[in-house]
Every structure is written in structure tokens, then in C-alpha cells.
């Protein structure tokens, strides 16, 4: 008997594919599934992923065959044929992609026959099998990205000439990564430091042209376990080398290491670049120094637990442990990476012998809750699913991973040098919000300066 996952945060393969397509301009998905599949995907994007907006143009009206019991019995291929024709007529797009749910995969609908028929009518359509029983959102991301790469040349062709100082970013999943647009913009800024142009693939201005340019990159940079198979595929298909960094960098150590690694891989040996990296490191250190007084006054050195997918939880945990000085007791990785990746994560979070960080790989909400209640951290960085535990322990919770339904996220991120500063600001706010207002008020009056000689008068608060 299969295990029941309580409070599942990883969705299904169909939803992963739809998240990819919704973040690419000009692509129109056609869902061959029941109505509930499309509705659940829409609800997830609108309410659990930073509330990006019900009427945002990236999430257009969803085309769906809305299969019923009749189609389970007699098949839904005729219904799909009709839906493809109507979608091309009604919804403007550069590329139409049919994605399947569980029902048509179980009953054996011939997806490829319907797609071939549409292509013979000069419709730019292809199909992908993405049933929920196949896997989760992360697998859906891999299927969709690889499918677009493999089928794009059927309808659009461009030059295969390599572009200098041009790199692709792989592994960031739109709307599953709560800060996906901010993270992509942050990486774009980071790589500009060493003179690189970044192909973000998702978000504003990212359409068919940008996806055609994938093959022209000098290097693919992978920032989660879910980009590695795509990078390997691109290496075999177009001979593009890749770097598997493993997660999104937060703070000085990981960000500078990534920049040096990429520069070395591309043969960029410029003393000016090293000066620019050093300048960014100094800016971050300056901001850290500004918070020193409050760090000790309000006891920011908490025992912390971090819950989230590999890409965001690992980099944040390393920064908080090795730079900001928190005691990171537990890190819970929720996206089920492979054994080799798990071993690498554990090693990366226990590089020193000072404090041990227990790393768990769980996607069952009840198991995560029990682990947190047992370990009793003083601070949690996680999702809205950890809200009940935080309330039970009376501790602050900073929401950094999906699902999140009480926070609006537009371009905010915790990536790079600037992202580390934003992370510190957000953690500090959560900690201060849990303090008694009377204590903050007393501290405020105790540090007021009343005259030009900078003498401090203590004020009694009754």
C-alpha cells in the first residue's frame, strides 16, 4: 500500500508543466484532463505562490477538454481534436502544447495521433504526457522544459551560432519557487558582475525567441537538482557544458564561489572582475555590521529550523549558519532529491565541527510537524504549513517556501549579496514582532539623545 502524504506541497506533474508554460510568453497550454485539474492549478498559482494575481496576463484563461465520465468510458480523443481546433482559433499564441492528466493516460487516449493531425493542418502544436501518477511538480518541470527544447525546431528555426558570454539558468520552477522572478533577476545582476548575459527563460520578456537562443549559450548554470537532467540533455544535444552548483547562493561565500566557478569555466581571468566581487563582499559586510548592536540586544542568535526545497533551503541555511551565526539545528528538504544530492546537502551543511545540523528529507506534513515540535526551534523558516507549529511553540515564522497564502511576493528574493541583506531584514522583523511592545518602547527611550553633547537621559516608563 502506498504511503499517504499529508499536507502535500509538491503537487503533480501536470501542475509542474503548467507552471512552466504559464511563465513563457506566447505559449498556450491545452489541458487534456478533467476540469478539476485546471482549477486546482489555477487556485495554487493565485493563492499559494505569493498571490501573483488572479488577472495577471501570464495566467490566461486555461484551455481544457474538461473530461467527464463519458470520456472515461468511450475515450476523449475526439474531444481533444475539437479542443485543439477551438483553442487555436480563440487564443493567440506562438506555440500550443497539449498536456495530459491522469484520465486520458489511464484510458489510453492517443495523444500523439491528435497532435499529428493538428500539425498536418499547420497548427504549431505538440503534446506531452504529464499525468499526476507519473510524479510531482518537479518532474513536470523537467518534462515541460525538455519537451519545449526538443519540439521548438519543428516550428521555429534560428542560428546555431554560439554567443559569447551568454549563459542559461536552469532549475528554477515558476510559482513553485516562491521567489522565482526575483531569483532570476538576482542571478542576472550577479552574472553581470563578471560580464555575462543571462537567459532567464521565464517571466517578463521571455518568449519563443529566448527559448530558441538556449542552444547558443556557452554554459548552462544549474541551481537546483531539477535542472541537472535538462543540462545533461543540452550537453548531449548541443554540446553545451554545464555547472551544477546545486542551489541558489545566498550571501558572500556561495555567491562569490559561484562567480569564480563560472568565470573559471568560461576562461574569464580579469583582475577587474575580482575587484568587483570584492566590492560586493564589502557592501554586504557593511550591512552586517550595521545590525550588530541589535543582534546582541535582542538575541538574534536563535536555534533555527528551515523547511523548503533544495534550491532555497540549502543556500539560506549555509548563510545563516556560516555567516550570520544562527544555530541551524534542523533543515528539512521537501522536494525529494536523489541520494547523491542528499549526501552533498548533508556535507555542505556540516563543513565545520562547531555545530551539527540535522538534515531530513521529508514531504509529509505531519512528519515535518512532529519533527519540529520535538526539536523545539526558536525560529522557523518555512511555509504556511508550518504556521500551526510556530503558534504552538510561540516562535517567529518567516515564510520562504511554497505554499504561502499570507504573503504577497513580486520581485523579493534572498539570492546573492543583496538577497542576504533582505533575508536579514525579514528575519529581524519576525523576531522583533514576537517581543513585547513594552520592551521595545523602553529600549527606544533609553537610547534617545536629547542634546548636542550626545548625553543620554534615561526615561522611566511606568
Protein backbone atom coordinates (compact mmCIF):
# COMPACT_ATOMS: atom_id res chain seq x y z
CA UNK A 1 0.00 0.00 0.00
CA UNK A 2 1.37 3.42 -0.96
CA UNK A 3 2.05 5.98 1.75
CA UNK A 4 -0.49 8.77 2.20
CA UNK A 5 1.14 12.21 2.05
CA UNK A 6 -0.46 14.66 4.48
CA UNK A 7 -0.32 18.36 3.63
CA UNK A 8 1.32 17.72 0.29
CA UNK A 9 3.28 20.71 -1.06
CA UNK A 10 4.74 19.20 -4.23
CA UNK A 11 1.66 18.84 -6.44
CA UNK A 12 1.61 16.67 -9.56
CA UNK A 13 3.50 16.52 -12.86
CA UNK A 14 0.67 18.23 -14.77
CA UNK A 15 0.80 21.24 -12.45
CA UNK A 16 4.58 21.43 -12.84
CA UNK A 17 4.21 21.57 -16.63
CA UNK A 18 1.52 24.25 -16.39
CA UNK A 19 3.71 26.37 -14.13
CA UNK A 20 6.43 26.28 -16.80
CA UNK A 21 4.10 27.21 -19.67
CA UNK A 22 2.36 29.97 -17.74
CA UNK A 23 5.67 31.79 -17.30
CA UNK A 24 6.64 31.82 -21.01
CA UNK A 25 5.17 34.47 -23.26
CA UNK A 26 3.49 33.08 -26.38
CA UNK A 27 2.91 29.55 -25.12
CA UNK A 28 -0.68 28.35 -24.71
CA UNK A 29 -1.27 25.10 -22.79
CA UNK A 30 -4.19 22.84 -23.72
CA UNK A 31 -5.11 20.64 -20.75
CA UNK A 32 -6.47 17.22 -21.68
CA UNK A 33 -7.92 16.24 -18.31
CA UNK A 34 -10.90 16.77 -16.04
CA UNK A 35 -11.95 20.30 -15.09
CA UNK A 36 -10.66 19.85 -11.56
CA UNK A 37 -7.05 19.54 -12.76
CA UNK A 38 -7.07 23.02 -14.31
CA UNK A 39 -8.98 24.54 -11.40
CA UNK A 40 -6.52 23.20 -8.82
CA UNK A 41 -3.59 24.53 -10.82
CA UNK A 42 -5.17 27.98 -11.07
CA UNK A 43 -6.02 28.07 -7.35
CA UNK A 44 -2.47 27.10 -6.47
CA UNK A 45 -0.94 29.87 -8.57
CA UNK A 46 -3.38 32.53 -7.41
CA UNK A 47 -3.39 31.84 -3.69
CA UNK A 48 -0.41 29.73 -2.61
CA UNK A 49 2.51 31.19 -4.56
CA UNK A 50 2.85 34.76 -3.34
CA UNK A 51 -0.54 35.84 -4.75
CA UNK A 52 0.83 36.81 -8.16
CA UNK A 53 -2.58 37.98 -9.28
CA UNK A 54 -5.82 36.43 -10.50
CA UNK A 55 -5.90 38.60 -13.62
CA UNK A 56 -2.19 38.68 -14.39
CA UNK A 57 -1.70 38.18 -18.13
CA UNK A 58 0.77 35.31 -17.62
CA UNK A 59 -2.09 33.14 -16.38
CA UNK A 60 -4.56 33.45 -19.23
CA UNK A 61 -7.84 31.59 -19.45
CA UNK A 62 -6.98 27.91 -19.41
CA UNK A 63 -7.97 25.76 -22.37
CA UNK A 64 -9.20 22.39 -21.14
CA UNK A 65 -11.10 19.43 -22.55
CA UNK A 66 -12.91 19.07 -19.19
CA UNK A 67 -13.28 15.30 -19.46
CA UNK A 68 -16.29 13.65 -17.82
CA UNK A 69 -17.41 10.10 -17.03
CA UNK A 70 -18.49 9.64 -20.67
CA UNK A 71 -14.90 10.15 -21.85
CA UNK A 72 -13.63 7.64 -19.32
CA UNK A 73 -15.87 5.02 -20.90
CA UNK A 74 -15.61 5.94 -24.59
CA UNK A 75 -12.30 7.82 -24.70
CA UNK A 76 -11.59 11.52 -25.15
CA UNK A 77 -9.61 11.73 -28.40
CA UNK A 78 -12.50 13.28 -30.36
CA UNK A 79 -12.95 15.82 -27.59
CA UNK A 80 -9.25 16.69 -27.77
CA UNK A 81 -9.42 17.14 -31.55
CA UNK A 82 -12.23 19.65 -31.09
CA UNK A 83 -10.42 21.48 -28.26
CA UNK A 84 -7.19 21.93 -30.23
CA UNK A 85 -9.05 23.48 -33.19
CA UNK A 86 -11.09 25.82 -30.99
CA UNK A 87 -8.10 26.88 -28.91
CA UNK A 88 -6.02 27.87 -31.94
CA UNK A 89 -8.97 29.94 -33.20
CA UNK A 90 -9.73 31.70 -29.91
CA UNK A 91 -6.42 32.08 -28.05
CA UNK A 92 -3.49 33.79 -29.75
CA UNK A 93 -0.17 32.07 -29.22
CA UNK A 94 3.14 31.21 -30.82
CA UNK A 95 3.11 27.62 -29.64
CA UNK A 96 0.36 25.32 -28.30
CA UNK A 97 1.21 22.42 -26.00
CA UNK A 98 -1.22 19.66 -25.07
CA UNK A 99 -0.58 18.28 -21.57
CA UNK A 100 -2.41 15.27 -20.20
CA UNK A 101 -3.84 14.46 -16.79
CA UNK A 102 -4.43 11.04 -15.29
CA UNK A 103 -7.72 10.11 -17.01
CA UNK A 104 -6.59 10.11 -20.67
CA UNK A 105 -3.37 8.32 -19.75
CA UNK A 106 -5.29 5.58 -17.94
CA UNK A 107 -7.92 5.06 -20.66
CA UNK A 108 -5.30 5.17 -23.42
CA UNK A 109 -6.22 8.25 -25.47
CA UNK A 110 -3.92 8.53 -28.48
CA UNK A 111 -2.44 11.97 -27.77
CA UNK A 112 0.21 11.82 -30.48
CA UNK A 113 -2.30 10.93 -33.19
CA UNK A 114 -4.37 14.01 -32.38
CA UNK A 115 -1.25 16.19 -32.25
CA UNK A 116 -0.01 14.86 -35.61
CA UNK A 117 -3.41 15.58 -37.13
CA UNK A 118 -3.20 19.19 -35.87
CA UNK A 119 0.33 19.59 -37.19
CA UNK A 120 -0.82 18.43 -40.64
CA UNK A 121 -3.18 21.43 -40.56
CA UNK A 122 -0.15 23.67 -39.89
CA UNK A 123 -1.04 24.22 -36.26
CA UNK A 124 2.10 24.76 -34.08
CA UNK A 125 1.07 22.07 -31.59
CA UNK A 126 2.81 19.22 -29.81
CA UNK A 127 1.89 17.04 -26.83
CA UNK A 128 3.43 15.91 -23.53
CA UNK A 129 2.33 13.15 -21.17
CA UNK A 130 2.14 14.67 -17.67
CA UNK A 131 -0.23 12.52 -15.58
CA UNK A 132 -0.23 13.13 -11.86
CA UNK A 133 0.54 9.49 -11.10
CA UNK A 134 3.81 9.80 -13.02
CA UNK A 135 5.41 12.11 -10.44
CA UNK A 136 5.33 15.56 -8.84
CA UNK A 137 5.73 19.19 -9.90
CA UNK A 138 9.49 18.85 -10.24
CA UNK A 139 9.20 16.01 -12.75
CA UNK A 140 6.57 18.04 -14.61
CA UNK A 141 9.09 20.88 -14.87
CA UNK A 142 11.67 18.54 -16.38
CA UNK A 143 9.16 17.08 -18.85
CA UNK A 144 7.91 20.50 -19.98
CA UNK A 145 11.33 22.16 -20.37
CA UNK A 146 12.84 19.20 -22.21
CA UNK A 147 9.72 18.91 -24.37
CA UNK A 148 9.88 22.55 -25.46
CA UNK A 149 13.59 22.26 -26.24
CA UNK A 150 13.06 19.12 -28.32
CA UNK A 151 9.99 20.31 -30.26
CA UNK A 152 10.70 24.00 -30.83
CA UNK A 153 12.70 23.37 -34.01
CA UNK A 154 9.66 21.75 -35.60
CA UNK A 155 8.07 25.20 -35.88
CA UNK A 156 10.83 27.79 -35.39
CA UNK A 157 14.43 27.78 -36.52
CA UNK A 158 17.29 30.13 -35.73
CA UNK A 159 21.05 30.32 -35.97
CA UNK A 160 23.09 27.72 -34.13
CA UNK A 161 25.98 30.14 -33.72
CA UNK A 162 27.32 30.32 -30.19
CA UNK A 163 27.01 33.67 -28.41
CA UNK A 164 29.92 34.90 -26.34
CA UNK A 165 29.39 35.49 -22.61
CA UNK A 166 25.88 34.05 -22.78
CA UNK A 167 24.54 31.56 -20.19
CA UNK A 168 21.26 29.76 -19.44
CA UNK A 169 19.80 29.42 -15.94
CA UNK A 170 18.22 26.03 -15.18
CA UNK A 171 16.38 24.63 -12.18
CA UNK A 172 14.10 27.48 -11.07
CA UNK A 173 10.44 26.43 -11.21
CA UNK A 174 7.96 29.31 -11.62
CA UNK A 175 5.47 29.60 -8.74
CA UNK A 176 6.82 26.51 -7.01
CA UNK A 177 9.83 28.64 -6.14
CA UNK A 178 8.03 31.39 -4.22
CA UNK A 179 10.63 34.00 -5.29
CA UNK A 180 11.20 32.76 -8.83
CA UNK A 181 11.10 36.11 -10.64
CA UNK A 182 13.20 37.83 -8.00
CA UNK A 183 15.70 34.97 -8.01
CA UNK A 184 16.08 35.10 -11.79
CA UNK A 185 16.60 38.87 -11.70
CA UNK A 186 19.11 38.50 -8.87
CA UNK A 187 21.11 35.92 -10.83
CA UNK A 188 21.01 38.19 -13.87
CA UNK A 189 22.51 41.01 -11.78
CA UNK A 190 25.09 38.70 -10.20
CA UNK A 191 26.39 37.42 -13.54
CA UNK A 192 26.55 40.96 -14.92
CA UNK A 193 29.37 41.47 -12.38
CA UNK A 194 31.58 39.18 -14.47
CA UNK A 195 30.27 40.46 -17.80
CA UNK A 196 27.76 37.73 -18.66
CA UNK A 197 24.39 37.96 -20.38
CA UNK A 198 21.78 35.73 -18.76
CA UNK A 199 18.99 33.80 -20.47
CA UNK A 200 16.33 33.62 -17.72
CA UNK A 201 13.74 31.73 -19.82
CA UNK A 202 10.80 32.66 -17.57
CA UNK A 203 8.98 35.88 -16.73
CA UNK A 204 8.80 39.30 -18.36
CA UNK A 205 10.01 39.35 -21.98
CA UNK A 206 10.83 35.63 -22.04
CA UNK A 207 9.23 34.00 -25.05
CA UNK A 208 9.95 31.80 -28.06
CA UNK A 209 12.96 33.88 -29.11
CA UNK A 210 14.67 33.37 -25.75
CA UNK A 211 13.97 29.63 -25.84
CA UNK A 212 15.40 29.41 -29.35
CA UNK A 213 18.58 31.00 -28.01
CA UNK A 214 19.13 28.19 -25.48
CA UNK A 215 21.26 26.28 -27.97
CA UNK A 216 23.59 29.27 -28.45
CA UNK A 217 24.74 29.54 -24.84
CA UNK A 218 28.32 28.95 -23.79
CA UNK A 219 27.31 27.46 -20.46
CA UNK A 220 24.30 26.14 -18.53
CA UNK A 221 24.18 27.00 -14.83
CA UNK A 222 22.09 24.67 -12.66
CA UNK A 223 20.73 25.96 -9.33
CA UNK A 224 18.57 23.02 -8.19
CA UNK A 225 18.53 19.22 -8.61
CA UNK A 226 15.72 19.63 -11.14
CA UNK A 227 17.86 21.32 -13.75
CA UNK A 228 20.60 18.70 -13.93
CA UNK A 229 18.84 16.26 -16.31
CA UNK A 230 17.98 19.16 -18.61
CA UNK A 231 21.60 20.34 -18.53
CA UNK A 232 22.81 16.85 -19.41
CA UNK A 233 20.29 16.67 -22.23
CA UNK A 234 21.50 20.02 -23.63
CA UNK A 235 25.10 18.83 -23.39
CA UNK A 236 24.27 15.74 -25.46
CA UNK A 237 22.05 17.63 -27.92
CA UNK A 238 24.05 20.84 -28.43
CA UNK A 239 27.39 20.14 -26.72
CA UNK A 240 26.83 22.88 -24.12
CA UNK A 241 28.85 22.34 -20.90
CA UNK A 242 27.21 22.93 -17.55
CA UNK A 243 27.95 23.74 -13.93
CA UNK A 244 25.82 22.08 -11.26
CA UNK A 245 26.01 24.49 -8.31
CA UNK A 246 23.15 22.66 -6.60
CA UNK A 247 21.20 25.53 -5.02
CA UNK A 248 20.62 29.26 -5.10
CA UNK A 249 23.53 31.15 -3.49
CA UNK A 250 22.77 33.40 -0.52
CA UNK A 251 25.41 35.73 0.91
CA UNK A 252 29.10 36.25 0.32
CA UNK A 253 30.52 32.74 0.45
CA UNK A 254 28.28 30.91 -2.01
CA UNK A 255 27.75 33.86 -4.36
CA UNK A 256 31.46 34.60 -4.73
CA UNK A 257 32.22 30.88 -5.12
CA UNK A 258 29.64 30.63 -7.92
CA UNK A 259 31.03 33.66 -9.74
CA UNK A 260 34.60 32.37 -9.53
CA UNK A 261 33.49 28.91 -10.66
CA UNK A 262 31.64 30.29 -13.70
CA UNK A 263 34.47 32.69 -14.58
CA UNK A 264 36.99 29.86 -14.41
CA UNK A 265 34.80 27.57 -16.54
CA UNK A 266 34.49 30.24 -19.23
CA UNK A 267 38.14 31.25 -19.03
CA UNK A 268 37.40 34.75 -17.74
CA UNK A 269 40.54 35.83 -15.90
CA UNK A 270 40.20 39.52 -15.32
CA UNK A 271 41.63 41.31 -12.29
CA UNK A 272 38.87 43.90 -12.63
CA UNK A 273 36.28 41.20 -12.04
CA UNK A 274 37.97 40.17 -8.81
CA UNK A 275 37.84 43.78 -7.68
CA UNK A 276 34.10 43.91 -8.44
CA UNK A 277 33.48 40.72 -6.45
CA UNK A 278 35.48 42.12 -3.55
CA UNK A 279 33.44 45.33 -3.66
CA UNK A 280 30.17 43.36 -3.44
CA UNK A 281 31.53 41.40 -0.48
CA UNK A 282 32.48 44.62 1.30
CA UNK A 283 29.00 46.06 0.75
CA UNK A 284 27.44 43.01 2.39
CA UNK A 285 29.86 43.14 5.34
CA UNK A 286 28.98 46.80 5.83
CA UNK A 287 25.29 45.95 6.13
CA UNK A 288 26.02 43.11 8.57
CA UNK A 289 27.99 45.48 10.79
CA UNK A 290 25.02 47.85 10.99
CA UNK A 291 22.88 45.23 12.67
CA UNK A 292 25.48 44.11 15.24
CA UNK A 293 24.08 46.08 18.20
CA UNK A 294 20.55 44.75 17.71
CA UNK A 295 21.87 41.24 17.05
CA UNK A 296 23.11 41.03 20.63
CA UNK A 297 20.50 43.26 22.32
CA UNK A 298 17.56 41.20 21.07
CA UNK A 299 19.31 37.83 20.96
CA UNK A 300 19.11 37.15 17.23
CA UNK A 301 21.29 34.06 17.57
CA UNK A 302 18.36 31.66 17.58
CA UNK A 303 18.20 27.92 17.19
CA UNK A 304 16.62 27.72 13.75
CA UNK A 305 14.80 25.14 11.64
CA UNK A 306 14.49 25.57 7.87
CA UNK A 307 11.86 23.81 5.76
CA UNK A 308 11.80 24.04 1.97
CA UNK A 309 13.01 22.71 -1.36
CA UNK A 310 16.70 22.13 -2.01
CA UNK A 311 17.30 25.25 -4.09
CA UNK A 312 16.26 27.77 -1.43
CA UNK A 313 16.65 25.93 1.90
CA UNK A 314 20.27 24.87 1.41
CA UNK A 315 21.71 28.25 0.41
CA UNK A 316 19.81 30.09 3.15
CA UNK A 317 20.86 27.54 5.78
CA UNK A 318 24.52 27.86 4.79
CA UNK A 319 24.40 31.66 5.01
CA UNK A 320 22.62 31.71 8.36
CA UNK A 321 24.97 29.13 9.82
CA UNK A 322 28.35 30.14 8.42
CA UNK A 323 27.93 33.92 8.12
CA UNK A 324 25.05 35.21 10.25
CA UNK A 325 25.82 32.97 13.20
CA UNK A 326 22.47 31.27 13.78
CA UNK A 327 22.38 27.78 15.25
CA UNK A 328 20.77 25.85 12.41
CA UNK A 329 19.58 22.70 14.19
CA UNK A 330 17.34 21.23 11.52
CA UNK A 331 16.96 21.54 7.77
CA UNK A 332 14.04 19.72 6.18
CA UNK A 333 14.31 19.27 2.41
CA UNK A 334 10.87 18.76 0.88
CA UNK A 335 11.45 18.07 -2.83
CA UNK A 336 12.87 14.51 -2.62
CA UNK A 337 16.21 14.89 -4.44
CA UNK A 338 18.27 11.80 -5.29
CA UNK A 339 20.60 10.04 -2.84
CA UNK A 340 23.74 11.62 -4.28
CA UNK A 341 22.25 15.10 -3.90
CA UNK A 342 21.11 14.29 -0.37
CA UNK A 343 24.62 13.30 0.63
CA UNK A 344 26.02 16.51 -0.87
CA UNK A 345 23.49 18.65 1.03
CA UNK A 346 24.30 16.98 4.35
CA UNK A 347 28.03 17.51 3.80
CA UNK A 348 27.57 21.14 2.76
CA UNK A 349 25.67 21.94 5.96
CA UNK A 350 28.22 20.28 8.22
CA UNK A 351 31.52 21.59 6.88
CA UNK A 352 32.70 22.70 10.32
CA UNK A 353 32.79 20.80 13.61
CA UNK A 354 31.24 23.58 15.71
CA UNK A 355 27.55 22.71 15.46
CA UNK A 356 25.79 19.78 13.84
CA UNK A 357 22.86 20.38 11.51
CA UNK A 358 20.44 17.51 11.16
CA UNK A 359 19.17 17.25 7.59
CA UNK A 360 15.92 15.38 6.92
CA UNK A 361 14.27 14.63 3.58
CA UNK A 362 10.51 14.67 4.12
CA UNK A 363 7.43 15.72 2.17
CA UNK A 364 4.80 14.51 4.63
CA UNK A 365 3.41 17.50 6.52
CA UNK A 366 2.56 15.53 9.65
CA UNK A 367 6.07 14.10 9.89
CA UNK A 368 7.58 17.56 9.45
CA UNK A 369 5.31 18.96 12.18
CA UNK A 370 6.30 16.19 14.59
CA UNK A 371 9.99 16.72 13.90
CA UNK A 372 9.71 20.46 14.58
CA UNK A 373 7.65 20.01 17.74
CA UNK A 374 10.18 17.52 19.06
CA UNK A 375 13.26 19.64 18.27
CA UNK A 376 11.65 22.89 19.59
CA UNK A 377 13.50 25.51 17.50
CA UNK A 378 13.37 29.21 18.40
CA UNK A 379 12.82 30.30 14.80
CA UNK A 380 11.32 28.59 11.75
CA UNK A 381 11.89 29.46 8.11
CA UNK A 382 9.32 27.53 6.12
CA UNK A 383 5.89 27.68 4.53
CA UNK A 384 2.33 28.40 5.64
CA UNK A 385 2.07 24.72 6.54
CA UNK A 386 4.42 25.37 9.49
CA UNK A 387 2.19 28.13 10.90
CA UNK A 388 0.45 25.85 13.44
CA UNK A 389 3.77 24.59 14.82
CA UNK A 390 5.13 28.14 15.13
CA UNK A 391 1.99 29.17 17.06
CA UNK A 392 2.21 26.12 19.31
CA UNK A 393 5.84 26.92 20.15
CA UNK A 394 5.19 30.71 20.29
CA UNK A 395 8.10 31.41 17.96
CA UNK A 396 8.56 33.56 14.82
CA UNK A 397 8.00 32.07 11.37
CA UNK A 398 9.41 33.55 8.15
CA UNK A 399 7.71 32.12 5.07
CA UNK A 400 10.31 31.30 2.42
CA UNK A 401 8.91 28.27 0.59
CA UNK A 402 5.69 27.19 -1.11
CA UNK A 403 2.84 27.04 -0.21
CA UNK A 404 2.35 30.56 1.16
CA UNK A 405 -1.07 32.23 1.32
CA UNK A 406 -0.48 35.21 3.68
CA UNK A 407 2.28 36.97 1.76
CA UNK A 408 2.50 38.90 -1.49
CA UNK A 409 5.71 38.24 -3.41
CA UNK A 410 6.57 40.19 -6.56
CA UNK A 411 10.34 40.58 -7.00
CA UNK A 412 11.53 39.85 -3.46
CA UNK A 413 14.33 37.30 -3.16
CA UNK A 414 17.10 36.02 -0.88
CA UNK A 415 19.66 35.31 -3.61
CA UNK A 416 23.14 36.78 -3.88
CA UNK A 417 24.68 39.61 -1.89
CA UNK A 418 21.62 41.87 -1.85
CA UNK A 419 19.30 38.95 -1.17
CA UNK A 420 21.22 38.16 2.01
CA UNK A 421 20.52 41.69 3.26
CA UNK A 422 16.81 41.27 2.51
CA UNK A 423 16.81 37.95 4.38
CA UNK A 424 18.36 39.56 7.45
CA UNK A 425 15.79 42.35 7.36
CA UNK A 426 12.90 39.88 7.14
CA UNK A 427 14.23 37.61 9.91
CA UNK A 428 14.87 40.61 12.15
CA UNK A 429 11.34 41.86 11.61
CA UNK A 430 9.85 38.50 12.58
CA UNK A 431 11.98 38.28 15.72
CA UNK A 432 11.18 41.84 16.81
CA UNK A 433 7.47 41.26 16.19
CA UNK A 434 7.49 38.48 18.80
CA UNK A 435 8.96 40.73 21.51
CA UNK A 436 6.75 42.52 23.99
CA UNK A 437 5.92 46.08 22.84
CA UNK A 438 6.82 47.39 26.31
CA UNK A 439 10.38 46.10 25.97
CA UNK A 440 10.88 47.77 22.58
CA UNK A 441 9.42 51.01 23.92
CA UNK A 442 11.77 51.04 26.91
CA UNK A 443 14.78 50.33 24.71
CA UNK A 444 13.74 53.17 22.43
CA UNK A 445 13.61 55.75 25.20
CA UNK A 446 16.79 54.51 26.83
CA UNK A 447 18.78 55.28 23.68
CA UNK A 448 17.26 58.67 22.85
CA UNK A 449 19.77 61.53 22.66
CA UNK A 450 18.44 64.83 23.96
CA UNK A 451 21.14 67.44 23.28
CA UNK A 452 24.13 68.35 21.15
CA UNK A 453 26.59 66.85 23.66
CA UNK A 454 25.15 63.42 22.89
CA UNK A 455 24.33 62.82 26.54
CA UNK A 456 21.72 60.15 27.05
CA UNK A 457 18.93 60.63 29.56
CA UNK A 458 17.15 57.51 30.78
CA UNK A 459 13.41 57.82 30.87
CA UNK A 460 11.34 55.82 33.32
CA UNK A 461 8.39 54.11 31.75
CA UNK A 462 5.54 53.24 34.08
